[in-house]
Amino acid sequence: MNLHEPPPSQLIMWGEKRFHTWNYEMRESFGCKVFKVTLDAGFTCPNRDGSIAKGGCTFCSARGSGDFAGSRRDDLVTQFATIRDRQHRKWPEAAYIGYFQAYTNTYAPVEELREYYEVVLQQPGVVGLSIATRPDCLPDDVVDYLAELNERTYLWVEMGLQTVHESTSVLINRAHDTACYLDAVRRLRERGIRVCAHIIYGLPQESHEMMLDTGRAVARMDVQGIKIHLLHLMRKTPMVKQYEAGLLRFLERDEYIGLVVDTLEFLPPDMIVHRLTGDAPRDLLIGPLWSMDKWPVLNGIDAELRRRDSWQGKLWRKEG
């Protein structure tokens, strides 16, 4: 063997899984099941209100990716109790992370953010917060407050990268470039804050290799978590016109499973996989229709990893 080559990789397992799941990490960290309680604090987005752009990302629903969050007609305490109690039917013994999911959840003055975040932290059983935002909505005073929170609780900041390709960014009206994203990651990590990168496979005009380019870029970033989303085309989103114009092709299920497994192989083993697919409301979904049943997708990912005799990070040192 060439002395400059890494030694042969050995199978790594996280419990019964061949990738570093969120559930595994939570049980290791807290000793119990931990689930996210999804909330809508009433924010908007600078990509919708005209301060940066208008119309929002072309794939984003009217609820700002918070289709399964609580109702913004209710206050946060009511939302929290409603979502928590619903999920307790499945997991009666669990702790909670308050997940500010809908729209851009740092798009407000710090005093307002403090009011929202602190009330959720005060709810019994809450062990941390996860805050979804954009990289261009993290001014210094907000990062300072997040750093303070990070000293007091288990904190994640989740940011939508979606793609590293600027041509796609224009098509989906992301309204920030990849350099902005990398700078936000740097600023958060300088304060020790965990970052989860969101990417989407199946975006308009992207080839198989372009999608994997995005996954490889995340593998090289100083981020601690990843969410891999399948593109869902939903009614009443701007992307419908792109679909009608022939700019969008739905991925097949086996194709998506292959992309996910390819990505897992070159992710670092310590990167936490928060999600490998997603949901869309059935009454809004146009396609791909196979995505309505998640279990064949998740089971297919497990089966493909076994078939390849592979696992998260198997190719990571080669990629690095």
C-alpha atoms as a PDB file:
ATOM      1  CA  MET A   1       0.000   0.000   0.000  1.00  0.00           C
ATOM      2  CA  ASN A   2       1.209   3.539  -0.782  1.00  0.00           C
ATOM      3  CA  LEU A   3       2.365   5.089   2.486  1.00  0.00           C
ATOM      4  CA  HIS A   4       0.649   8.367   1.556  1.00  0.00           C
ATOM      5  CA  GLU A   5      -2.762   6.722   1.270  1.00  0.00           C
ATOM      6  CA  PRO A   6      -5.071   6.586   4.320  1.00  0.00           C
ATOM      7  CA  PRO A   7      -5.454   3.161   5.950  1.00  0.00           C
ATOM      8  CA  PRO A   8      -8.518   1.106   4.946  1.00  0.00           C
ATOM      9  CA  SER A   9     -11.690   2.468   6.541  1.00  0.00           C
ATOM     10  CA  GLN A  10     -13.508   0.401   9.132  1.00  0.00           C
ATOM     11  CA  LEU A  11     -17.273   0.188   9.446  1.00  0.00           C
ATOM     12  CA  ILE A  12     -18.692   2.826  11.788  1.00  0.00           C
ATOM     13  CA  MET A  13     -22.160   2.460  13.299  1.00  0.00           C
ATOM     14  CA  TRP A  14     -24.280   4.922  15.247  1.00  0.00           C
ATOM     15  CA  GLY A  15     -26.524   2.564  17.157  1.00  0.00           C
ATOM     16  CA  GLU A  16     -28.251   0.544  14.446  1.00  0.00           C
ATOM     17  CA  LYS A  17     -27.588   3.131  11.723  1.00  0.00           C
ATOM     18  CA  ARG A  18     -24.708   3.607   9.318  1.00  0.00           C
ATOM     19  CA  PHE A  19     -24.922   7.394   9.582  1.00  0.00           C
ATOM     20  CA  HIS A  20     -24.767   9.869  12.452  1.00  0.00           C
ATOM     21  CA  THR A  21     -28.426  10.470  13.152  1.00  0.00           C
ATOM     22  CA  TRP A  22     -29.977  13.301  15.126  1.00  0.00           C
ATOM     23  CA  ASN A  23     -31.748  10.769  17.365  1.00  0.00           C
ATOM     24  CA  TYR A  24     -28.459   9.031  18.178  1.00  0.00           C
ATOM     25  CA  GLU A  25     -26.792  12.332  19.050  1.00  0.00           C
ATOM     26  CA  MET A  26     -29.678  13.462  21.259  1.00  0.00           C
ATOM     27  CA  ARG A  27     -29.733  10.203  23.232  1.00  0.00           C
ATOM     28  CA  GLU A  28     -25.961  10.401  23.660  1.00  0.00           C
ATOM     29  CA  SER A  29     -26.176  14.036  24.798  1.00  0.00           C
ATOM     30  CA  PHE A  30     -29.309  13.955  26.963  1.00  0.00           C
ATOM     31  CA  GLY A  31     -29.917  10.280  27.708  1.00  0.00           C
ATOM     32  CA  CYS A  32     -33.450  10.296  26.286  1.00  0.00           C
ATOM     33  CA  LYS A  33     -35.534  10.971  23.211  1.00  0.00           C
ATOM     34  CA  VAL A  34     -35.465  14.660  22.250  1.00  0.00           C
ATOM     35  CA  PHE A  35     -37.846  16.074  19.651  1.00  0.00           C
ATOM     36  CA  LYS A  36     -38.152  19.481  18.065  1.00  0.00           C
ATOM     37  CA  VAL A  37     -41.278  21.515  18.779  1.00  0.00           C
ATOM     38  CA  THR A  38     -41.836  23.545  15.594  1.00  0.00           C
ATOM     39  CA  LEU A  39     -42.910  27.153  16.092  1.00  0.00           C
ATOM     40  CA  ASP A  40     -44.043  30.149  14.036  1.00  0.00           C
ATOM     41  CA  ALA A  41     -43.118  33.354  15.862  1.00  0.00           C
ATOM     42  CA  GLY A  42     -44.683  35.624  13.236  1.00  0.00           C
ATOM     43  CA  PHE A  43     -41.518  36.667  11.411  1.00  0.00           C
ATOM     44  CA  THR A  44     -41.311  37.529   7.737  1.00  0.00           C
ATOM     45  CA  CYS A  45     -38.311  37.382   5.390  1.00  0.00           C
ATOM     46  CA  PRO A  46     -36.183  40.103   3.748  1.00  0.00           C
ATOM     47  CA  ASN A  47     -36.529  38.111   0.551  1.00  0.00           C
ATOM     48  CA  ARG A  48     -40.285  38.708   0.690  1.00  0.00           C
ATOM     49  CA  ASP A  49     -40.773  42.192   2.096  1.00  0.00           C
ATOM     50  CA  GLY A  50     -38.566  43.949  -0.451  1.00  0.00           C
ATOM     51  CA  SER A  51     -35.656  44.860   1.807  1.00  0.00           C
ATOM     52  CA  ILE A  52     -33.436  42.425  -0.125  1.00  0.00           C
ATOM     53  CA  ALA A  53     -35.754  40.984  -2.778  1.00  0.00           C
ATOM     54  CA  LYS A  54     -39.406  40.156  -3.391  1.00  0.00           C
ATOM     55  CA  GLY A  55     -41.320  36.967  -3.945  1.00  0.00           C
ATOM     56  CA  GLY A  56     -39.212  34.735  -1.697  1.00  0.00           C
ATOM     57  CA  CYS A  57     -37.294  31.662  -2.794  1.00  0.00           C
ATOM     58  CA  THR A  58     -39.232  30.106  -5.646  1.00  0.00           C
ATOM     59  CA  PHE A  59     -39.706  26.781  -3.814  1.00  0.00           C
ATOM     60  CA  CYS A  60     -40.912  28.335  -0.556  1.00  0.00           C
ATOM     61  CA  SER A  61     -44.564  28.009   0.451  1.00  0.00           C
ATOM     62  CA  ALA A  62     -46.736  30.807   1.775  1.00  0.00           C
ATOM     63  CA  ARG A  63     -45.877  29.689   5.308  1.00  0.00           C
ATOM     64  CA  GLY A  64     -42.157  30.233   4.831  1.00  0.00           C
ATOM     65  CA  SER A  65     -41.154  26.559   5.161  1.00  0.00           C
ATOM     66  CA  GLY A  66     -43.179  26.346   8.359  1.00  0.00           C
ATOM     67  CA  ASP A  67     -46.057  24.270   7.011  1.00  0.00           C
ATOM     68  CA  PHE A  68     -45.959  21.938  10.005  1.00  0.00           C
ATOM     69  CA  ALA A  69     -45.179  24.583  12.618  1.00  0.00           C
ATOM     70  CA  GLY A  70     -47.670  25.943  15.118  1.00  0.00           C
ATOM     71  CA  SER A  71     -50.277  28.490  14.104  1.00  0.00           C
ATOM     72  CA  ARG A  72     -49.107  32.093  14.273  1.00  0.00           C
ATOM     73  CA  ARG A  73     -52.611  32.976  15.431  1.00  0.00           C
ATOM     74  CA  ASP A  74     -51.568  31.474  18.794  1.00  0.00           C
ATOM     75  CA  ASP A  75     -48.939  32.814  21.154  1.00  0.00           C
ATOM     76  CA  LEU A  76     -45.721  30.829  21.473  1.00  0.00           C
ATOM     77  CA  VAL A  77     -46.679  29.166  24.756  1.00  0.00           C
ATOM     78  CA  THR A  78     -49.931  27.882  23.235  1.00  0.00           C
ATOM     79  CA  GLN A  79     -48.148  26.743  20.071  1.00  0.00           C
ATOM     80  CA  PHE A  80     -45.518  24.969  22.113  1.00  0.00           C
ATOM     81  CA  ALA A  81     -48.069  23.107  24.241  1.00  0.00           C
ATOM     82  CA  THR A  82     -50.142  22.090  21.207  1.00  0.00           C
ATOM     83  CA  ILE A  83     -47.236  20.687  19.179  1.00  0.00           C
ATOM     84  CA  ARG A  84     -45.590  19.110  22.238  1.00  0.00           C
ATOM     85  CA  ASP A  85     -48.752  17.294  23.300  1.00  0.00           C
ATOM     86  CA  ARG A  86     -49.349  16.010  19.777  1.00  0.00           C
ATOM     87  CA  GLN A  87     -45.854  14.522  19.587  1.00  0.00           C
ATOM     88  CA  HIS A  88     -46.086  13.130  23.100  1.00  0.00           C
ATOM     89  CA  ARG A  89     -48.611  10.615  21.815  1.00  0.00           C
ATOM     90  CA  LYS A  90     -45.700   8.971  19.998  1.00  0.00           C
ATOM     91  CA  TRP A  91     -42.944   9.731  22.507  1.00  0.00           C
ATOM     92  CA  PRO A  92     -44.434  10.035  26.012  1.00  0.00           C
ATOM     93  CA  GLU A  93     -41.011  10.263  27.688  1.00  0.00           C
ATOM     94  CA  ALA A  94     -39.005  12.963  25.942  1.00  0.00           C
ATOM     95  CA  ALA A  95     -37.284  16.318  26.250  1.00  0.00           C
ATOM     96  CA  TYR A  96     -37.758  19.191  23.801  1.00  0.00           C
ATOM     97  CA  ILE A  97     -35.929  21.636  21.609  1.00  0.00           C
ATOM     98  CA  GLY A  98     -37.870  24.732  20.639  1.00  0.00           C
ATOM     99  CA  TYR A  99     -37.535  25.017  16.861  1.00  0.00           C
ATOM    100  CA  PHE A 100     -38.150  28.472  15.397  1.00  0.00           C
ATOM    101  CA  GLN A 101     -38.834  27.187  11.913  1.00  0.00           C
ATOM    102  CA  ALA A 102     -41.071  29.473   9.845  1.00  0.00           C
ATOM    103  CA  TYR A 103     -39.536  32.306   7.802  1.00  0.00           C
ATOM    104  CA  THR A 104     -36.367  34.106   9.028  1.00  0.00           C
ATOM    105  CA  ASN A 105     -36.097  33.849  12.785  1.00  0.00           C
ATOM    106  CA  THR A 106     -33.384  36.427  13.441  1.00  0.00           C
ATOM    107  CA  TYR A 107     -35.067  39.115  11.322  1.00  0.00           C
ATOM    108  CA  ALA A 108     -35.986  41.442  14.197  1.00  0.00           C
ATOM    109  CA  PRO A 109     -34.293  43.642  16.808  1.00  0.00           C
ATOM    110  CA  VAL A 110     -32.449  41.764  19.548  1.00  0.00           C
ATOM    111  CA  GLU A 111     -34.955  42.920  22.185  1.00  0.00           C
ATOM    112  CA  GLU A 112     -37.754  41.246  20.251  1.00  0.00           C
ATOM    113  CA  LEU A 113     -35.737  38.076  19.650  1.00  0.00           C
ATOM    114  CA  ARG A 114     -34.939  37.871  23.339  1.00  0.00           C
ATOM    115  CA  GLU A 115     -38.628  38.012  24.202  1.00  0.00           C
ATOM    116  CA  TYR A 116     -39.441  35.130  21.835  1.00  0.00           C
ATOM    117  CA  TYR A 117     -36.530  32.844  22.628  1.00  0.00           C
ATOM    118  CA  GLU A 118     -36.597  33.257  26.391  1.00  0.00           C
ATOM    119  CA  VAL A 119     -40.280  32.394  26.747  1.00  0.00           C
ATOM    120  CA  VAL A 120     -39.679  29.072  24.996  1.00  0.00           C
ATOM    121  CA  LEU A 121     -36.605  28.328  27.092  1.00  0.00           C
ATOM    122  CA  GLN A 122     -38.787  28.737  30.177  1.00  0.00           C
ATOM    123  CA  GLN A 123     -41.126  25.898  29.155  1.00  0.00           C
ATOM    124  CA  PRO A 124     -40.724  22.706  31.245  1.00  0.00           C
ATOM    125  CA  GLY A 125     -38.596  20.055  29.590  1.00  0.00           C
ATOM    126  CA  VAL A 126     -36.897  22.359  27.083  1.00  0.00           C
ATOM    127  CA  VAL A 127     -33.189  21.555  26.738  1.00  0.00           C
ATOM    128  CA  GLY A 128     -32.325  23.872  23.865  1.00  0.00           C
ATOM    129  CA  LEU A 129     -33.275  25.939  20.836  1.00  0.00           C
ATOM    130  CA  SER A 130     -32.892  25.553  17.092  1.00  0.00           C
ATOM    131  CA  ILE A 131     -33.215  28.784  15.116  1.00  0.00           C
ATOM    132  CA  ALA A 132     -33.725  28.821  11.341  1.00  0.00           C
ATOM    133  CA  THR A 133     -32.508  31.926   9.556  1.00  0.00           C
ATOM    134  CA  ARG A 134     -30.711  33.412   6.543  1.00  0.00           C
ATOM    135  CA  PRO A 135     -26.986  34.206   6.480  1.00  0.00           C
ATOM    136  CA  ASP A 136     -27.726  37.851   5.637  1.00  0.00           C
ATOM    137  CA  CYS A 137     -29.835  38.314   8.787  1.00  0.00           C
ATOM    138  CA  LEU A 138     -27.124  37.931  11.414  1.00  0.00           C
ATOM    139  CA  PRO A 139     -25.912  41.396  12.435  1.00  0.00           C
ATOM    140  CA  ASP A 140     -23.255  41.602  15.119  1.00  0.00           C
ATOM    141  CA  ASP A 141     -25.652  42.291  18.000  1.00  0.00           C
ATOM    142  CA  VAL A 142     -27.736  39.239  17.053  1.00  0.00           C
ATOM    143  CA  VAL A 143     -24.632  37.038  16.902  1.00  0.00           C
ATOM    144  CA  ASP A 144     -23.624  38.405  20.311  1.00  0.00           C
ATOM    145  CA  TYR A 145     -26.988  37.396  21.757  1.00  0.00           C
ATOM    146  CA  LEU A 146     -26.805  33.961  20.128  1.00  0.00           C
ATOM    147  CA  ALA A 147     -23.369  33.506  21.680  1.00  0.00           C
ATOM    148  CA  GLU A 148     -24.870  34.381  25.065  1.00  0.00           C
ATOM    149  CA  LEU A 149     -27.643  31.820  24.519  1.00  0.00           C
ATOM    150  CA  ASN A 150     -25.054  29.251  23.491  1.00  0.00           C
ATOM    151  CA  GLU A 151     -23.439  29.609  26.908  1.00  0.00           C
ATOM    152  CA  ARG A 152     -26.762  28.900  28.641  1.00  0.00           C
ATOM    153  CA  THR A 153     -28.447  26.246  26.528  1.00  0.00           C
ATOM    154  CA  TYR A 154     -27.999  23.713  23.719  1.00  0.00           C
ATOM    155  CA  LEU A 155     -28.219  25.876  20.584  1.00  0.00           C
ATOM    156  CA  TRP A 156     -28.310  25.311  16.840  1.00  0.00           C
ATOM    157  CA  VAL A 157     -28.517  27.910  14.085  1.00  0.00           C
ATOM    158  CA  GLU A 158     -29.957  26.421  10.890  1.00  0.00           C
ATOM    159  CA  MET A 159     -29.289  28.176   7.583  1.00  0.00           C
ATOM    160  CA  GLY A 160     -30.515  27.385   4.097  1.00  0.00           C
ATOM    161  CA  LEU A 161     -27.615  27.044   1.673  1.00  0.00           C
ATOM    162  CA  GLN A 162     -29.677  24.952  -0.794  1.00  0.00           C
ATOM    163  CA  THR A 163     -26.919  25.014  -3.462  1.00  0.00           C
ATOM    164  CA  VAL A 164     -23.393  26.309  -4.036  1.00  0.00           C
ATOM    165  CA  HIS A 165     -24.131  27.132  -7.672  1.00  0.00           C
ATOM    166  CA  GLU A 166     -24.796  30.818  -8.304  1.00  0.00           C
ATOM    167  CA  SER A 167     -26.699  30.057 -11.526  1.00  0.00           C
ATOM    168  CA  THR A 168     -29.184  28.016  -9.490  1.00  0.00           C
ATOM    169  CA  SER A 169     -29.287  30.690  -6.808  1.00  0.00           C
ATOM    170  CA  VAL A 170     -30.553  33.153  -9.424  1.00  0.00           C
ATOM    171  CA  LEU A 171     -33.174  30.670 -10.660  1.00  0.00           C
ATOM    172  CA  ILE A 172     -34.538  30.069  -7.152  1.00  0.00           C
ATOM    173  CA  ASN A 173     -34.278  33.745  -6.108  1.00  0.00           C
ATOM    174  CA  ARG A 174     -32.164  32.909  -3.060  1.00  0.00           C
ATOM    175  CA  ALA A 175     -30.991  36.542  -2.954  1.00  0.00           C
ATOM    176  CA  HIS A 176     -27.666  35.880  -1.268  1.00  0.00           C
ATOM    177  CA  ASP A 177     -24.479  34.358  -2.625  1.00  0.00           C
ATOM    178  CA  THR A 178     -22.426  31.474  -1.298  1.00  0.00           C
ATOM    179  CA  ALA A 179     -19.736  33.846  -0.030  1.00  0.00           C
ATOM    180  CA  CYS A 180     -22.340  35.430   2.261  1.00  0.00           C
ATOM    181  CA  TYR A 181     -23.199  31.973   3.599  1.00  0.00           C
ATOM    182  CA  LEU A 182     -19.569  31.083   4.278  1.00  0.00           C
ATOM    183  CA  ASP A 183     -19.013  34.389   6.068  1.00  0.00           C
ATOM    184  CA  ALA A 184     -22.032  33.763   8.314  1.00  0.00           C
ATOM    185  CA  VAL A 185     -20.724  30.293   9.159  1.00  0.00           C
ATOM    186  CA  ARG A 186     -17.334  31.795  10.039  1.00  0.00           C
ATOM    187  CA  ARG A 187     -18.849  34.437  12.309  1.00  0.00           C
ATOM    188  CA  LEU A 188     -21.059  31.933  14.131  1.00  0.00           C
ATOM    189  CA  ARG A 189     -18.273  29.413  14.557  1.00  0.00           C
ATOM    190  CA  GLU A 190     -15.924  32.051  15.944  1.00  0.00           C
ATOM    191  CA  ARG A 191     -18.404  32.229  18.832  1.00  0.00           C
ATOM    192  CA  GLY A 192     -18.671  28.446  19.164  1.00  0.00           C
ATOM    193  CA  ILE A 193     -22.249  28.254  17.848  1.00  0.00           C
ATOM    194  CA  ARG A 194     -23.358  25.008  16.157  1.00  0.00           C
ATOM    195  CA  VAL A 195     -24.480  25.412  12.539  1.00  0.00           C
ATOM    196  CA  CYS A 196     -26.762  23.122  10.508  1.00  0.00           C
ATOM    197  CA  ALA A 197     -26.633  23.562   6.718  1.00  0.00           C
ATOM    198  CA  HIS A 198     -29.764  22.891   4.651  1.00  0.00           C
ATOM    199  CA  ILE A 199     -29.325  21.688   1.066  1.00  0.00           C
ATOM    200  CA  ILE A 200     -31.889  20.681  -1.556  1.00  0.00           C
ATOM    201  CA  TYR A 201     -31.495  17.996  -4.193  1.00  0.00           C
ATOM    202  CA  GLY A 202     -33.621  18.322  -7.314  1.00  0.00           C
ATOM    203  CA  LEU A 203     -33.400  22.080  -7.896  1.00  0.00           C
ATOM    204  CA  PRO A 204     -34.060  23.385 -11.434  1.00  0.00           C
ATOM    205  CA  GLN A 205     -31.381  22.736 -14.048  1.00  0.00           C
ATOM    206  CA  GLU A 206     -29.017  20.955 -11.635  1.00  0.00           C
ATOM    207  CA  SER A 207     -27.277  17.788 -12.780  1.00  0.00           C
ATOM    208  CA  HIS A 208     -26.364  14.848 -10.553  1.00  0.00           C
ATOM    209  CA  GLU A 209     -22.793  16.136 -10.277  1.00  0.00           C
ATOM    210  CA  MET A 210     -23.897  19.695  -9.482  1.00  0.00           C
ATOM    211  CA  MET A 211     -25.957  18.400  -6.570  1.00  0.00           C
ATOM    212  CA  LEU A 212     -23.032  16.387  -5.237  1.00  0.00           C
ATOM    213  CA  ASP A 213     -20.835  19.498  -5.572  1.00  0.00           C
ATOM    214  CA  THR A 214     -23.080  21.115  -2.974  1.00  0.00           C
ATOM    215  CA  GLY A 215     -22.826  18.107  -0.679  1.00  0.00           C
ATOM    216  CA  ARG A 216     -19.039  18.068  -1.028  1.00  0.00           C
ATOM    217  CA  ALA A 217     -18.881  21.776  -0.235  1.00  0.00           C
ATOM    218  CA  VAL A 218     -20.843  21.243   2.989  1.00  0.00           C
ATOM    219  CA  ALA A 219     -18.519  18.365   3.919  1.00  0.00           C
ATOM    220  CA  ARG A 220     -15.620  20.848   3.792  1.00  0.00           C
ATOM    221  CA  MET A 221     -17.396  23.570   5.781  1.00  0.00           C
ATOM    222  CA  ASP A 222     -17.079  24.103   9.506  1.00  0.00           C
ATOM    223  CA  VAL A 223     -20.689  23.085  10.103  1.00  0.00           C
ATOM    224  CA  GLN A 224     -21.793  20.519  12.662  1.00  0.00           C
ATOM    225  CA  GLY A 225     -25.033  19.353  11.070  1.00  0.00           C
ATOM    226  CA  ILE A 226     -26.755  18.901   7.732  1.00  0.00           C
ATOM    227  CA  LYS A 227     -30.301  18.565   6.448  1.00  0.00           C
ATOM    228  CA  ILE A 228     -30.691  17.035   3.005  1.00  0.00           C
ATOM    229  CA  HIS A 229     -34.039  17.917   1.485  1.00  0.00           C
ATOM    230  CA  LEU A 230     -35.769  16.542  -1.563  1.00  0.00           C
ATOM    231  CA  LEU A 231     -37.242  19.355  -3.644  1.00  0.00           C
ATOM    232  CA  HIS A 232     -41.021  19.447  -3.263  1.00  0.00           C
ATOM    233  CA  LEU A 233     -42.986  21.405  -5.828  1.00  0.00           C
ATOM    234  CA  MET A 234     -45.980  22.947  -4.082  1.00  0.00           C
ATOM    235  CA  ARG A 235     -49.001  24.725  -5.433  1.00  0.00           C
ATOM    236  CA  LYS A 236     -49.018  28.537  -5.323  1.00  0.00           C
ATOM    237  CA  THR A 237     -45.223  28.790  -5.265  1.00  0.00           C
ATOM    238  CA  PRO A 238     -43.261  30.726  -7.919  1.00  0.00           C
ATOM    239  CA  MET A 239     -41.512  27.500  -8.925  1.00  0.00           C
ATOM    240  CA  VAL A 240     -44.736  26.234 -10.518  1.00  0.00           C
ATOM    241  CA  LYS A 241     -44.095  28.582 -13.462  1.00  0.00           C
ATOM    242  CA  GLN A 242     -40.558  27.232 -13.784  1.00  0.00           C
ATOM    243  CA  TYR A 243     -41.959  23.699 -13.827  1.00  0.00           C
ATOM    244  CA  GLU A 244     -44.477  24.635 -16.491  1.00  0.00           C
ATOM    245  CA  ALA A 245     -41.640  26.176 -18.530  1.00  0.00           C
ATOM    246  CA  GLY A 246     -39.741  22.871 -18.455  1.00  0.00           C
ATOM    247  CA  LEU A 247     -36.949  24.032 -16.135  1.00  0.00           C
ATOM    248  CA  LEU A 248     -37.631  21.394 -13.506  1.00  0.00           C
ATOM    249  CA  ARG A 249     -37.490  17.597 -13.576  1.00  0.00           C
ATOM    250  CA  PHE A 250     -38.645  15.559 -10.580  1.00  0.00           C
ATOM    251  CA  LEU A 251     -36.086  13.139  -9.219  1.00  0.00           C
ATOM    252  CA  GLU A 252     -36.990   9.451  -9.118  1.00  0.00           C
ATOM    253  CA  ARG A 253     -36.969   7.774  -5.711  1.00  0.00           C
ATOM    254  CA  ASP A 254     -34.008   5.480  -6.427  1.00  0.00           C
ATOM    255  CA  GLU A 255     -32.130   8.428  -7.921  1.00  0.00           C
ATOM    256  CA  TYR A 256     -32.631  10.460  -4.756  1.00  0.00           C
ATOM    257  CA  ILE A 257     -31.613   7.542  -2.536  1.00  0.00           C
ATOM    258  CA  GLY A 258     -28.399   7.189  -4.533  1.00  0.00           C
ATOM    259  CA  LEU A 259     -27.623  10.903  -4.184  1.00  0.00           C
ATOM    260  CA  VAL A 260     -28.147  10.793  -0.423  1.00  0.00           C
ATOM    261  CA  VAL A 261     -25.935   7.737   0.038  1.00  0.00           C
ATOM    262  CA  ASP A 262     -23.242   9.250  -2.201  1.00  0.00           C
ATOM    263  CA  THR A 263     -23.339  12.327   0.039  1.00  0.00           C
ATOM    264  CA  LEU A 264     -23.244  10.399   3.305  1.00  0.00           C
ATOM    265  CA  GLU A 265     -20.109   8.607   2.163  1.00  0.00           C
ATOM    266  CA  PHE A 266     -18.078  11.826   1.964  1.00  0.00           C
ATOM    267  CA  LEU A 267     -19.510  13.653   4.983  1.00  0.00           C
ATOM    268  CA  PRO A 268     -17.259  13.726   8.066  1.00  0.00           C
ATOM    269  CA  PRO A 269     -18.337  11.082  10.596  1.00  0.00           C
ATOM    270  CA  ASP A 270     -18.933  13.650  13.343  1.00  0.00           C
ATOM    271  CA  MET A 271     -21.375  15.726  11.255  1.00  0.00           C
ATOM    272  CA  ILE A 272     -24.890  15.175  12.607  1.00  0.00           C
ATOM    273  CA  VAL A 273     -27.547  14.305  10.030  1.00  0.00           C
ATOM    274  CA  HIS A 274     -30.668  16.148  11.139  1.00  0.00           C
ATOM    275  CA  ARG A 275     -32.792  15.047   8.186  1.00  0.00           C
ATOM    276  CA  LEU A 276     -32.532  12.988   4.993  1.00  0.00           C
ATOM    277  CA  THR A 277     -35.834  13.842   3.368  1.00  0.00           C
ATOM    278  CA  GLY A 278     -38.822  16.002   4.140  1.00  0.00           C
ATOM    279  CA  ASP A 279     -42.571  16.431   4.015  1.00  0.00           C
ATOM    280  CA  ALA A 280     -44.891  18.670   2.106  1.00  0.00           C
ATOM    281  CA  PRO A 281     -48.602  19.128   2.846  1.00  0.00           C
ATOM    282  CA  ARG A 282     -50.505  16.623   0.727  1.00  0.00           C
ATOM    283  CA  ASP A 283     -53.024  19.210  -0.395  1.00  0.00           C
ATOM    284  CA  LEU A 284     -50.217  21.442  -1.750  1.00  0.00           C
ATOM    285  CA  LEU A 285     -47.837  18.855  -3.239  1.00  0.00           C
ATOM    286  CA  ILE A 286     -47.566  18.663  -7.018  1.00  0.00           C
ATOM    287  CA  GLY A 287     -44.570  16.334  -7.073  1.00  0.00           C
ATOM    288  CA  PRO A 288     -42.724  14.117  -6.776  1.00  0.00           C
ATOM    289  CA  LEU A 289     -45.701  12.142  -5.496  1.00  0.00           C
ATOM    290  CA  TRP A 290     -43.574   9.261  -4.208  1.00  0.00           C
ATOM    291  CA  SER A 291     -42.283  11.611  -1.518  1.00  0.00           C
ATOM    292  CA  MET A 292     -45.608  11.406   0.326  1.00  0.00           C
ATOM    293  CA  ASP A 293     -44.458   8.097   1.828  1.00  0.00           C
ATOM    294  CA  LYS A 294     -41.182   8.719   3.651  1.00  0.00           C
ATOM    295  CA  TRP A 295     -40.546   5.216   4.967  1.00  0.00           C
ATOM    296  CA  PRO A 296     -39.640   3.580   1.634  1.00  0.00           C
ATOM    297  CA  VAL A 297     -37.140   6.426   1.144  1.00  0.00           C
ATOM    298  CA  LEU A 298     -35.550   6.078   4.580  1.00  0.00           C
ATOM    299  CA  ASN A 299     -35.554   2.288   4.401  1.00  0.00           C
ATOM    300  CA  GLY A 300     -34.085   2.526   0.908  1.00  0.00           C
ATOM    301  CA  ILE A 301     -31.203   4.657   2.186  1.00  0.00           C
ATOM    302  CA  ASP A 302     -30.441   2.079   4.883  1.00  0.00           C
ATOM    303  CA  ALA A 303     -30.645  -0.735   2.333  1.00  0.00           C
ATOM    304  CA  GLU A 304     -28.350   1.024  -0.139  1.00  0.00           C
ATOM    305  CA  LEU A 305     -25.747   1.634   2.570  1.00  0.00           C
ATOM    306  CA  ARG A 306     -25.846  -2.075   3.424  1.00  0.00           C
ATOM    307  CA  ARG A 307     -25.686  -3.093  -0.241  1.00  0.00           C
ATOM    308  CA  ARG A 308     -22.558  -0.976  -0.749  1.00  0.00           C
ATOM    309  CA  ASP A 309     -21.155  -2.059   2.627  1.00  0.00           C
ATOM    310  CA  SER A 310     -20.820   1.664   3.265  1.00  0.00           C
ATOM    311  CA  TRP A 311     -21.381   4.267   5.973  1.00  0.00           C
ATOM    312  CA  GLN A 312     -21.120   7.980   6.662  1.00  0.00           C
ATOM    313  CA  GLY A 313     -17.527   9.120   6.227  1.00  0.00           C
ATOM    314  CA  LYS A 314     -16.272   6.066   4.369  1.00  0.00           C
ATOM    315  CA  LEU A 315     -14.791   8.353   1.683  1.00  0.00           C
ATOM    316  CA  TRP A 316     -14.368  11.428   3.839  1.00  0.00           C
ATOM    317  CA  ARG A 317     -10.576  11.387   4.107  1.00  0.00           C
ATOM    318  CA  LYS A 318     -10.283  10.945   0.349  1.00  0.00           C
ATOM    319  CA  GLU A 319     -12.635  13.924  -0.180  1.00  0.00           C
ATOM    320  CA  GLY A 320     -10.747  15.949   2.406  1.00  0.00           C
END
